[in-house]
Protein backbone atom coordinates (compact mmCIF):
# COMPACT_ATOMS: atom_id res chain seq x y z
CA UNK A 1 45.48 14.23 -218.72
CA UNK A 2 47.35 14.45 -215.42
CA UNK A 3 45.37 17.52 -214.38
CA UNK A 4 42.11 15.82 -215.21
CA UNK A 5 43.08 12.85 -213.04
CA UNK A 6 44.03 15.17 -210.19
CA UNK A 7 40.74 17.06 -210.47
CA UNK A 8 38.81 13.77 -210.50
CA UNK A 9 40.68 12.56 -207.42
CA UNK A 10 39.97 15.86 -205.68
CA UNK A 11 36.28 15.55 -206.52
CA UNK A 12 36.16 12.05 -205.06
CA UNK A 13 38.05 13.14 -201.95
CA UNK A 14 35.75 16.09 -201.45
CA UNK A 15 32.59 14.07 -201.98
CA UNK A 16 32.44 13.29 -198.26
CA UNK A 17 31.99 16.98 -197.51
CA UNK A 18 28.69 18.77 -197.81
CA UNK A 19 28.02 20.63 -201.04
CA UNK A 20 28.08 23.97 -199.23
CA UNK A 21 31.53 23.24 -197.77
CA UNK A 22 32.86 22.12 -201.14
CA UNK A 23 31.49 25.15 -202.96
CA UNK A 24 32.92 27.49 -200.33
CA UNK A 25 36.31 25.83 -200.64
CA UNK A 26 36.19 26.06 -204.42
CA UNK A 27 35.36 29.77 -204.22
CA UNK A 28 38.40 30.31 -202.00
CA UNK A 29 40.73 28.56 -204.45
CA UNK A 30 39.22 30.05 -207.62
CA UNK A 31 41.49 33.14 -207.59
CA UNK A 32 44.56 30.89 -207.83
CA UNK A 33 42.96 28.92 -210.68
CA UNK A 34 42.14 32.15 -212.52
CA UNK A 35 45.63 33.58 -211.93
CA UNK A 36 47.21 30.41 -213.29
CA UNK A 37 45.01 30.45 -216.38
CA UNK A 38 45.75 34.13 -216.98
CA UNK A 39 49.49 33.51 -216.69
CA UNK A 40 49.37 30.52 -219.05
CA UNK A 41 47.39 32.51 -221.60
CA UNK A 42 49.85 35.40 -221.35
CA UNK A 43 52.64 32.97 -222.26
CA UNK A 44 50.70 32.08 -225.41
CA UNK A 45 50.15 35.67 -226.56
CA UNK A 46 53.47 36.07 -228.43
CA UNK A 47 52.85 32.78 -230.25
CA UNK A 48 49.32 33.82 -231.18
CA UNK A 49 50.50 37.21 -232.44
CA UNK A 50 53.32 35.57 -234.43
CA UNK A 51 50.96 33.00 -235.94
CA UNK A 52 52.94 30.07 -234.51
CA UNK A 53 49.88 28.10 -233.40
CA UNK A 54 47.51 26.26 -235.69
CA UNK A 55 44.25 28.08 -236.30
CA UNK A 56 42.37 25.34 -234.42
CA UNK A 57 44.64 25.53 -231.35
CA UNK A 58 44.60 29.33 -231.33
CA UNK A 59 40.79 29.43 -231.50
CA UNK A 60 40.48 26.81 -228.75
CA UNK A 61 42.90 28.67 -226.45
CA UNK A 62 41.10 31.97 -226.96
CA UNK A 63 37.74 30.29 -226.37
CA UNK A 64 39.02 28.65 -223.17
CA UNK A 65 40.37 31.97 -221.93
CA UNK A 66 37.11 33.71 -222.79
CA UNK A 67 35.08 31.11 -220.90
CA UNK A 68 37.00 32.05 -217.78
CA UNK A 69 37.34 35.82 -218.22
CA UNK A 70 35.00 37.29 -220.84
CA UNK A 71 31.27 37.88 -220.75
CA UNK A 72 28.78 38.01 -217.95
CA UNK A 73 28.87 34.26 -217.26
CA UNK A 74 32.68 34.08 -217.07
CA UNK A 75 33.75 31.88 -214.20
CA UNK A 76 36.50 34.19 -212.96
CA UNK A 77 34.14 37.17 -212.92
CA UNK A 78 31.40 35.37 -210.99
CA UNK A 79 33.36 33.72 -208.22
CA UNK A 80 30.52 34.23 -205.76
CA UNK A 81 28.32 31.75 -207.63
CA UNK A 82 30.98 29.15 -208.47
CA UNK A 83 30.24 25.56 -207.57
CA UNK A 84 32.34 22.42 -207.71
CA UNK A 85 30.61 21.40 -210.92
CA UNK A 86 31.06 24.72 -212.73
CA UNK A 87 34.71 24.99 -211.72
CA UNK A 88 35.54 21.39 -212.64
CA UNK A 89 33.97 21.73 -216.05
CA UNK A 90 35.24 25.19 -217.00
CA UNK A 91 38.65 25.13 -215.34
CA UNK A 92 39.60 21.61 -216.41
CA UNK A 93 38.55 22.27 -220.01
CA UNK A 94 40.45 25.57 -220.05
CA UNK A 95 43.53 24.03 -218.43
CA UNK A 96 43.60 21.16 -220.91
CA UNK A 97 43.14 23.45 -223.90
CA UNK A 98 45.70 26.02 -222.79
CA UNK A 99 48.28 23.36 -221.84
CA UNK A 100 47.83 21.78 -225.29
CA UNK A 101 48.45 25.19 -226.85
CA UNK A 102 51.55 25.71 -224.69
CA UNK A 103 52.94 22.33 -225.89
CA UNK A 104 52.30 23.35 -229.49
CA UNK A 105 53.99 26.70 -228.85
CA UNK A 106 57.06 24.93 -227.41
CA UNK A 107 57.34 22.84 -230.58
CA UNK A 108 57.29 26.07 -232.60
CA UNK A 109 60.42 27.35 -230.84
């Protein structure tokens, strides 16, 4: 929830810029977003392997990871075509899903 609010505030703050400037800025910061998502997913791997997450949470986390890294349309593979809209949608959804899975994994400890 906090991340979603931060992303919304960033979108509002950036709305004064031209779309080209925003998209260029997003492309520059996308590697950090992708690195963070990769790290968070790596933290989940032992819990997924051990079956400590619910089937629904595990499937959602894998799907979120795949939307960023797998397939031809994966956001982190196509950084040259990323826009504010595509990053906000994909990255915020992935961040929310993976952070929910991390919370569930912590409860399993």
